[in-house]
Amino acid sequence: MAGDGPGLTAQDAKHVFERFYRAGPSRSRTHGGSGLGLSIAAAVAEGHGGRLELDTAPGRGCTFRLVLPAGRSDGRSSGVSG
């Protein structure tokens, strides 16, 4: 599902998965979180052999896509442990 918000600039999109990054001056610790959510989500996806993708443009909103590999058909785990 695509968002209908303001979207992100190309500069913000390059950094949005970095720890503690907040897009825009209105985002702060008191208003908008710690800047860790997307970096944690991306790390979890990578830990499972996948990735978190972003599609955005100013004025067009954002779409975040979680891409994970298909599961094994033999019922065994993929070897990823945590």
PDB file of N, CA and C in Angstrom:
ATOM      1  N   MET A   1       0.838  -1.171   0.000  1.00  0.00           N
ATOM      2  CA  MET A   1       0.000   0.000   0.000  1.00  0.00           C
ATOM      3  C   MET A   1       0.887   1.240   0.000  1.00  0.00           C
ATOM      4  N   ALA A   2       0.632   2.155  -0.867  1.00  0.00           N
ATOM      5  CA  ALA A   2       1.417   3.381  -0.953  1.00  0.00           C
ATOM      6  C   ALA A   2       0.866   4.423   0.005  1.00  0.00           C
ATOM      7  N   GLY A   3       1.763   5.236   0.519  1.00  0.00           N
ATOM      8  CA  GLY A   3       1.356   6.319   1.391  1.00  0.00           C
ATOM      9  C   GLY A   3       0.849   7.495   0.577  1.00  0.00           C
ATOM     10  N   ASP A   4       0.206   8.421   1.248  1.00  0.00           N
ATOM     11  CA  ASP A   4      -0.256   9.619   0.553  1.00  0.00           C
ATOM     12  C   ASP A   4       0.278  10.869   1.236  1.00  0.00           C
ATOM     13  N   GLY A   5       1.356  10.717   1.995  1.00  0.00           N
ATOM     14  CA  GLY A   5       1.968  11.835   2.701  1.00  0.00           C
ATOM     15  C   GLY A   5       2.897  12.625   1.800  1.00  0.00           C
ATOM     16  N   PRO A   6       3.764  13.425   2.416  1.00  0.00           N
ATOM     17  CA  PRO A   6       4.634  14.296   1.641  1.00  0.00           C
ATOM     18  C   PRO A   6       5.771  13.577   0.918  1.00  0.00           C
ATOM     19  N   GLY A   7       6.049  12.321   1.261  1.00  0.00           N
ATOM     20  CA  GLY A   7       7.163  11.606   0.653  1.00  0.00           C
ATOM     21  C   GLY A   7       8.492  12.083   1.220  1.00  0.00           C
ATOM     22  N   LEU A   8       9.569  11.586   0.656  1.00  0.00           N
ATOM     23  CA  LEU A   8      10.909  11.950   1.099  1.00  0.00           C
ATOM     24  C   LEU A   8      11.695  12.529  -0.058  1.00  0.00           C
ATOM     25  N   THR A   9      12.594  13.449   0.255  1.00  0.00           N
ATOM     26  CA  THR A   9      13.504  13.953  -0.765  1.00  0.00           C
ATOM     27  C   THR A   9      14.514  12.863  -1.095  1.00  0.00           C
ATOM     28  N   ALA A  10      15.210  13.008  -2.203  1.00  0.00           N
ATOM     29  CA  ALA A  10      16.244  12.038  -2.573  1.00  0.00           C
ATOM     30  C   ALA A  10      17.327  11.969  -1.493  1.00  0.00           C
ATOM     31  N   GLN A  11      17.668  13.100  -0.898  1.00  0.00           N
ATOM     32  CA  GLN A  11      18.685  13.137   0.161  1.00  0.00           C
ATOM     33  C   GLN A  11      18.210  12.351   1.390  1.00  0.00           C
ATOM     34  N   ASP A  12      16.963  12.567   1.817  1.00  0.00           N
ATOM     35  CA  ASP A  12      16.436  11.820   2.965  1.00  0.00           C
ATOM     36  C   ASP A  12      16.344  10.333   2.655  1.00  0.00           C
ATOM     37  N   ALA A  13      15.923   9.985   1.446  1.00  0.00           N
ATOM     38  CA  ALA A  13      15.781   8.571   1.072  1.00  0.00           C
ATOM     39  C   ALA A  13      17.110   7.835   1.147  1.00  0.00           C
ATOM     40  N   LYS A  14      18.225   8.520   0.869  1.00  0.00           N
ATOM     41  CA  LYS A  14      19.546   7.885   0.942  1.00  0.00           C
ATOM     42  C   LYS A  14      19.931   7.510   2.368  1.00  0.00           C
ATOM     43  N   HIS A  15      19.336   8.175   3.355  1.00  0.00           N
ATOM     44  CA  HIS A  15      19.750   7.988   4.749  1.00  0.00           C
ATOM     45  C   HIS A  15      18.693   7.357   5.643  1.00  0.00           C
ATOM     46  N   VAL A  16      17.506   7.129   5.142  1.00  0.00           N
ATOM     47  CA  VAL A  16      16.360   6.768   5.981  1.00  0.00           C
ATOM     48  C   VAL A  16      16.555   5.441   6.748  1.00  0.00           C
ATOM     49  N   PHE A  17      17.427   4.548   6.273  1.00  0.00           N
ATOM     50  CA  PHE A  17      17.659   3.284   6.970  1.00  0.00           C
ATOM     51  C   PHE A  17      18.849   3.345   7.933  1.00  0.00           C
ATOM     52  N   GLU A  18      19.465   4.511   8.082  1.00  0.00           N
ATOM     53  CA  GLU A  18      20.583   4.681   9.013  1.00  0.00           C
ATOM     54  C   GLU A  18      20.055   4.874  10.433  1.00  0.00           C
ATOM     55  N   ARG A  19      20.807   4.339  11.402  1.00  0.00           N
ATOM     56  CA  ARG A  19      20.403   4.500  12.802  1.00  0.00           C
ATOM     57  C   ARG A  19      20.383   5.979  13.186  1.00  0.00           C
ATOM     58  N   PHE A  20      19.365   6.362  13.923  1.00  0.00           N
ATOM     59  CA  PHE A  20      19.160   7.702  14.482  1.00  0.00           C
ATOM     60  C   PHE A  20      18.868   8.785  13.443  1.00  0.00           C
ATOM     61  N   TYR A  21      18.639   8.400  12.182  1.00  0.00           N
ATOM     62  CA  TYR A  21      18.330   9.414  11.166  1.00  0.00           C
ATOM     63  C   TYR A  21      16.869   9.817  11.279  1.00  0.00           C
ATOM     64  N   ARG A  22      16.632  11.102  11.239  1.00  0.00           N
ATOM     65  CA  ARG A  22      15.265  11.629  11.236  1.00  0.00           C
ATOM     66  C   ARG A  22      15.124  12.575  10.057  1.00  0.00           C
ATOM     67  N   ALA A  23      14.148  12.344   9.220  1.00  0.00           N
ATOM     68  CA  ALA A  23      13.915  13.212   8.063  1.00  0.00           C
ATOM     69  C   ALA A  23      13.133  14.442   8.508  1.00  0.00           C
ATOM     70  N   GLY A  24      13.673  15.599   8.249  1.00  0.00           N
ATOM     71  CA  GLY A  24      12.961  16.837   8.532  1.00  0.00           C
ATOM     72  C   GLY A  24      13.169  17.361   9.938  1.00  0.00           C
ATOM     73  N   PRO A  25      13.133  18.680  10.079  1.00  0.00           N
ATOM     74  CA  PRO A  25      13.356  19.307  11.387  1.00  0.00           C
ATOM     75  C   PRO A  25      12.219  19.102  12.385  1.00  0.00           C
ATOM     76  N   SER A  26      11.038  18.705  11.921  1.00  0.00           N
ATOM     77  CA  SER A  26       9.917  18.497  12.844  1.00  0.00           C
ATOM     78  C   SER A  26      10.046  17.178  13.601  1.00  0.00           C
ATOM     79  N   ARG A  27      10.961  16.317  13.183  1.00  0.00           N
ATOM     80  CA  ARG A  27      11.187  15.034  13.852  1.00  0.00           C
ATOM     81  C   ARG A  27      12.272  15.212  14.900  1.00  0.00           C
ATOM     82  N   SER A  28      11.962  14.877  16.127  1.00  0.00           N
ATOM     83  CA  SER A  28      12.937  14.973  17.210  1.00  0.00           C
ATOM     84  C   SER A  28      12.647  13.860  18.199  1.00  0.00           C
ATOM     85  N   ARG A  29      13.475  13.731  19.203  1.00  0.00           N
ATOM     86  CA  ARG A  29      13.220  12.698  20.214  1.00  0.00           C
ATOM     87  C   ARG A  29      11.885  12.915  20.906  1.00  0.00           C
ATOM     88  N   THR A  30      11.527  14.165  21.124  1.00  0.00           N
ATOM     89  CA  THR A  30      10.265  14.436  21.812  1.00  0.00           C
ATOM     90  C   THR A  30       9.066  14.362  20.878  1.00  0.00           C
ATOM     91  N   HIS A  31       9.281  14.552  19.584  1.00  0.00           N
ATOM     92  CA  HIS A  31       8.196  14.511  18.595  1.00  0.00           C
ATOM     93  C   HIS A  31       8.624  13.693  17.386  1.00  0.00           C
ATOM     94  N   GLY A  32       8.468  12.402  17.429  1.00  0.00           N
ATOM     95  CA  GLY A  32       8.751  11.634  16.239  1.00  0.00           C
ATOM     96  C   GLY A  32       9.640  10.431  16.424  1.00  0.00           C
ATOM     97  N   GLY A  33       9.993  10.064  17.615  1.00  0.00           N
ATOM     98  CA  GLY A  33      10.742   8.837  17.828  1.00  0.00           C
ATOM     99  C   GLY A  33      12.245   9.029  17.879  1.00  0.00           C
ATOM    100  N   SER A  34      12.949   7.908  17.955  1.00  0.00           N
ATOM    101  CA  SER A  34      14.396   7.925  18.143  1.00  0.00           C
ATOM    102  C   SER A  34      15.171   7.800  16.840  1.00  0.00           C
ATOM    103  N   GLY A  35      14.501   7.506  15.742  1.00  0.00           N
ATOM    104  CA  GLY A  35      15.208   7.317  14.483  1.00  0.00           C
ATOM    105  C   GLY A  35      15.799   5.921  14.345  1.00  0.00           C
ATOM    106  N   LEU A  36      15.257   4.965  15.078  1.00  0.00           N
ATOM    107  CA  LEU A  36      15.783   3.598  15.026  1.00  0.00           C
ATOM    108  C   LEU A  36      14.887   2.602  14.311  1.00  0.00           C
ATOM    109  N   GLY A  37      13.626   2.887  14.164  1.00  0.00           N
ATOM    110  CA  GLY A  37      12.662   1.906  13.659  1.00  0.00           C
ATOM    111  C   GLY A  37      13.016   1.311  12.309  1.00  0.00           C
ATOM    112  N   LEU A  38      13.309   2.143  11.312  1.00  0.00           N
ATOM    113  CA  LEU A  38      13.601   1.608   9.983  1.00  0.00           C
ATOM    114  C   LEU A  38      14.946   0.908   9.927  1.00  0.00           C
ATOM    115  N   SER A  39      15.925   1.371  10.709  1.00  0.00           N
ATOM    116  CA  SER A  39      17.217   0.679  10.717  1.00  0.00           C
ATOM    117  C   SER A  39      17.083  -0.699  11.354  1.00  0.00           C
ATOM    118  N   ILE A  40      16.266  -0.818  12.381  1.00  0.00           N
ATOM    119  CA  ILE A  40      16.030  -2.125  13.007  1.00  0.00           C
ATOM    120  C   ILE A  40      15.282  -3.041  12.043  1.00  0.00           C
ATOM    121  N   ALA A  41      14.257  -2.525  11.395  1.00  0.00           N
ATOM    122  CA  ALA A  41      13.493  -3.340  10.436  1.00  0.00           C
ATOM    123  C   ALA A  41      14.389  -3.825   9.295  1.00  0.00           C
ATOM    124  N   ALA A  42      15.267  -2.952   8.791  1.00  0.00           N
ATOM    125  CA  ALA A  42      16.176  -3.344   7.718  1.00  0.00           C
ATOM    126  C   ALA A  42      17.161  -4.408   8.193  1.00  0.00           C
ATOM    127  N   ALA A  43      17.667  -4.277   9.423  1.00  0.00           N
ATOM    128  CA  ALA A  43      18.605  -5.266   9.968  1.00  0.00           C
ATOM    129  C   ALA A  43      17.937  -6.619  10.158  1.00  0.00           C
ATOM    130  N   VAL A  44      16.691  -6.634  10.623  1.00  0.00           N
ATOM    131  CA  VAL A  44      15.959  -7.891  10.794  1.00  0.00           C
ATOM    132  C   VAL A  44      15.738  -8.552   9.430  1.00  0.00           C
ATOM    133  N   ALA A  45      15.345  -7.754   8.443  1.00  0.00           N
ATOM    134  CA  ALA A  45      15.145  -8.297   7.093  1.00  0.00           C
ATOM    135  C   ALA A  45      16.440  -8.905   6.566  1.00  0.00           C
ATOM    136  N   GLU A  46      17.551  -8.193   6.717  1.00  0.00           N
ATOM    137  CA  GLU A  46      18.843  -8.700   6.246  1.00  0.00           C
ATOM    138  C   GLU A  46      19.258  -9.952   7.002  1.00  0.00           C
ATOM    139  N   GLY A  47      18.946 -10.018   8.277  1.00  0.00           N
ATOM    140  CA  GLY A  47      19.257 -11.194   9.076  1.00  0.00           C
ATOM    141  C   GLY A  47      18.530 -12.443   8.608  1.00  0.00           C
ATOM    142  N   HIS A  48      17.444 -12.235   7.900  1.00  0.00           N
ATOM    143  CA  HIS A  48      16.667 -13.359   7.357  1.00  0.00           C
ATOM    144  C   HIS A  48      16.880 -13.520   5.857  1.00  0.00           C
ATOM    145  N   GLY A  49      17.944 -12.900   5.342  1.00  0.00           N
ATOM    146  CA  GLY A  49      18.269 -13.042   3.928  1.00  0.00           C
ATOM    147  C   GLY A  49      17.463 -12.155   3.004  1.00  0.00           C
ATOM    148  N   GLY A  50      16.799 -11.168   3.552  1.00  0.00           N
ATOM    149  CA  GLY A  50      15.961 -10.293   2.734  1.00  0.00           C
ATOM    150  C   GLY A  50      16.436  -8.865   2.757  1.00  0.00           C
ATOM    151  N   ARG A  51      15.511  -7.967   2.445  1.00  0.00           N
ATOM    152  CA  ARG A  51      15.842  -6.547   2.428  1.00  0.00           C
ATOM    153  C   ARG A  51      14.570  -5.722   2.609  1.00  0.00           C
ATOM    154  N   LEU A  52      14.752  -4.482   3.021  1.00  0.00           N
ATOM    155  CA  LEU A  52      13.667  -3.519   3.122  1.00  0.00           C
ATOM    156  C   LEU A  52      13.916  -2.464   2.050  1.00  0.00           C
ATOM    157  N   GLU A  53      12.940  -2.241   1.200  1.00  0.00           N
ATOM    158  CA  GLU A  53      13.084  -1.308   0.087  1.00  0.00           C
ATOM    159  C   GLU A  53      12.177  -0.106   0.290  1.00  0.00           C
ATOM    160  N   LEU A  54      12.543   0.997  -0.337  1.00  0.00           N
ATOM    161  CA  LEU A  54      11.784   2.240  -0.259  1.00  0.00           C
ATOM    162  C   LEU A  54      11.526   2.767  -1.660  1.00  0.00           C
ATOM    163  N   ASP A  55      10.289   3.165  -1.908  1.00  0.00           N
ATOM    164  CA  ASP A  55       9.920   3.860  -3.140  1.00  0.00           C
ATOM    165  C   ASP A  55       9.263   5.159  -2.700  1.00  0.00           C
ATOM    166  N   THR A  56       9.843   6.293  -3.083  1.00  0.00           N
ATOM    167  CA  THR A  56       9.314   7.576  -2.626  1.00  0.00           C
ATOM    168  C   THR A  56       9.684   8.697  -3.580  1.00  0.00           C
ATOM    169  N   ALA A  57       8.952   9.764  -3.488  1.00  0.00           N
ATOM    170  CA  ALA A  57       9.250  11.012  -4.176  1.00  0.00           C
ATOM    171  C   ALA A  57       8.476  12.109  -3.450  1.00  0.00           C
ATOM    172  N   PRO A  58       9.045  13.306  -3.372  1.00  0.00           N
ATOM    173  CA  PRO A  58       8.327  14.401  -2.711  1.00  0.00           C
ATOM    174  C   PRO A  58       6.932  14.595  -3.296  1.00  0.00           C
ATOM    175  N   GLY A  59       5.945  14.706  -2.425  1.00  0.00           N
ATOM    176  CA  GLY A  59       4.569  14.899  -2.840  1.00  0.00           C
ATOM    177  C   GLY A  59       3.843  13.646  -3.283  1.00  0.00           C
ATOM    178  N   ARG A  60       4.527  12.497  -3.252  1.00  0.00           N
ATOM    179  CA  ARG A  60       3.929  11.249  -3.729  1.00  0.00           C
ATOM    180  C   ARG A  60       3.785  10.202  -2.633  1.00  0.00           C
ATOM    181  N   GLY A  61       4.280  10.474  -1.438  1.00  0.00           N
ATOM    182  CA  GLY A  61       4.204   9.499  -0.357  1.00  0.00           C
ATOM    183  C   GLY A  61       5.324   8.480  -0.426  1.00  0.00           C
ATOM    184  N   CYS A  62       5.257   7.482   0.439  1.00  0.00           N
ATOM    185  CA  CYS A  62       6.291   6.447   0.521  1.00  0.00           C
ATOM    186  C   CYS A  62       5.662   5.063   0.486  1.00  0.00           C
ATOM    187  N   THR A  63       6.372   4.148  -0.118  1.00  0.00           N
ATOM    188  CA  THR A  63       6.014   2.737  -0.057  1.00  0.00           C
ATOM    189  C   THR A  63       7.239   1.993   0.442  1.00  0.00           C
ATOM    190  N   PHE A  64       7.089   1.267   1.540  1.00  0.00           N
ATOM    191  CA  PHE A  64       8.158   0.419   2.058  1.00  0.00           C
ATOM    192  C   PHE A  64       7.783  -1.015   1.725  1.00  0.00           C
ATOM    193  N   ARG A  65       8.744  -1.756   1.208  1.00  0.00           N
ATOM    194  CA  ARG A  65       8.509  -3.128   0.764  1.00  0.00           C
ATOM    195  C   ARG A  65       9.479  -4.051   1.480  1.00  0.00           C
ATOM    196  N   LEU A  66       8.957  -5.044   2.184  1.00  0.00           N
ATOM    197  CA  LEU A  66       9.769  -6.065   2.840  1.00  0.00           C
ATOM    198  C   LEU A  66       9.870  -7.258   1.903  1.00  0.00           C
ATOM    199  N   VAL A  67      11.089  -7.610   1.511  1.00  0.00           N
ATOM    200  CA  VAL A  67      11.326  -8.711   0.583  1.00  0.00           C
ATOM    201  C   VAL A  67      12.097  -9.793   1.329  1.00  0.00           C
ATOM    202  N   LEU A  68      11.500 -10.980   1.438  1.00  0.00           N
ATOM    203  CA  LEU A  68      12.131 -12.108   2.126  1.00  0.00           C
ATOM    204  C   LEU A  68      12.211 -13.297   1.178  1.00  0.00           C
ATOM    205  N   PRO A  69      13.245 -14.122   1.339  1.00  0.00           N
ATOM    206  CA  PRO A  69      13.334 -15.307   0.483  1.00  0.00           C
ATOM    207  C   PRO A  69      12.232 -16.299   0.825  1.00  0.00           C
ATOM    208  N   ALA A  70      11.883 -17.118  -0.148  1.00  0.00           N
ATOM    209  CA  ALA A  70      10.872 -18.149   0.075  1.00  0.00           C
ATOM    210  C   ALA A  70      11.380 -19.130   1.116  1.00  0.00           C
ATOM    211  N   GLY A  71      10.476 -19.663   1.919  1.00  0.00           N
ATOM    212  CA  GLY A  71      10.834 -20.633   2.947  1.00  0.00           C
ATOM    213  C   GLY A  71      11.264 -21.957   2.353  1.00  0.00           C
ATOM    214  N   ARG A  72      11.924 -22.744   3.160  1.00  0.00           N
ATOM    215  CA  ARG A  72      12.351 -24.075   2.727  1.00  0.00           C
ATOM    216  C   ARG A  72      11.154 -25.009   2.735  1.00  0.00           C
ATOM    217  N   SER A  73      11.087 -25.880   1.772  1.00  0.00           N
ATOM    218  CA  SER A  73       9.958 -26.794   1.667  1.00  0.00           C
ATOM    219  C   SER A  73      10.104 -28.027   2.553  1.00  0.00           C
ATOM    220  N   ASP A  74      11.310 -28.263   3.122  1.00  0.00           N
ATOM    221  CA  ASP A  74      11.503 -29.455   3.945  1.00  0.00           C
ATOM    222  C   ASP A  74      11.163 -29.231   5.418  1.00  0.00           C
ATOM    223  N   GLY A  75      10.704 -28.015   5.758  1.00  0.00           N
ATOM    224  CA  GLY A  75      10.294 -27.731   7.120  1.00  0.00           C
ATOM    225  C   GLY A  75      11.427 -27.370   8.063  1.00  0.00           C
ATOM    226  N   ARG A  76      12.673 -27.439   7.604  1.00  0.00           N
ATOM    227  CA  ARG A  76      13.812 -27.071   8.444  1.00  0.00           C
ATOM    228  C   ARG A  76      14.035 -25.579   8.381  1.00  0.00           C
ATOM    229  N   SER A  77      14.709 -25.058   9.388  1.00  0.00           N
ATOM    230  CA  SER A  77      14.990 -23.626   9.392  1.00  0.00           C
ATOM    231  C   SER A  77      16.061 -23.322   8.359  1.00  0.00           C
ATOM    232  N   SER A  78      16.177 -22.043   8.006  1.00  0.00           N
ATOM    233  CA  SER A  78      17.161 -21.622   7.013  1.00  0.00           C
ATOM    234  C   SER A  78      18.548 -21.478   7.601  1.00  0.00           C
ATOM    235  N   GLY A  79      18.692 -21.724   8.891  1.00  0.00           N
ATOM    236  CA  GLY A  79      19.996 -21.604   9.536  1.00  0.00           C
ATOM    237  C   GLY A  79      20.219 -20.273  10.203  1.00  0.00           C
ATOM    238  N   VAL A  80      19.277 -19.365  10.067  1.00  0.00           N
ATOM    239  CA  VAL A  80      19.386 -18.074  10.719  1.00  0.00           C
ATOM    240  C   VAL A  80      18.939 -18.246  12.151  1.00  0.00           C
ATOM    241  N   SER A  81      19.774 -17.834  13.067  1.00  0.00           N
ATOM    242  CA  SER A  81      19.378 -17.931  14.478  1.00  0.00           C
ATOM    243  C   SER A  81      19.553 -16.582  15.135  1.00  0.00           C
ATOM    244  N   GLY A  82      18.908 -16.394  16.226  1.00  0.00           N
ATOM    245  CA  GLY A  82      19.003 -15.083  16.867  1.00  0.00           C
ATOM    246  C   GLY A  82      18.919 -15.248  18.280  1.00  0.00           C
TER     247      GLY A  82
END
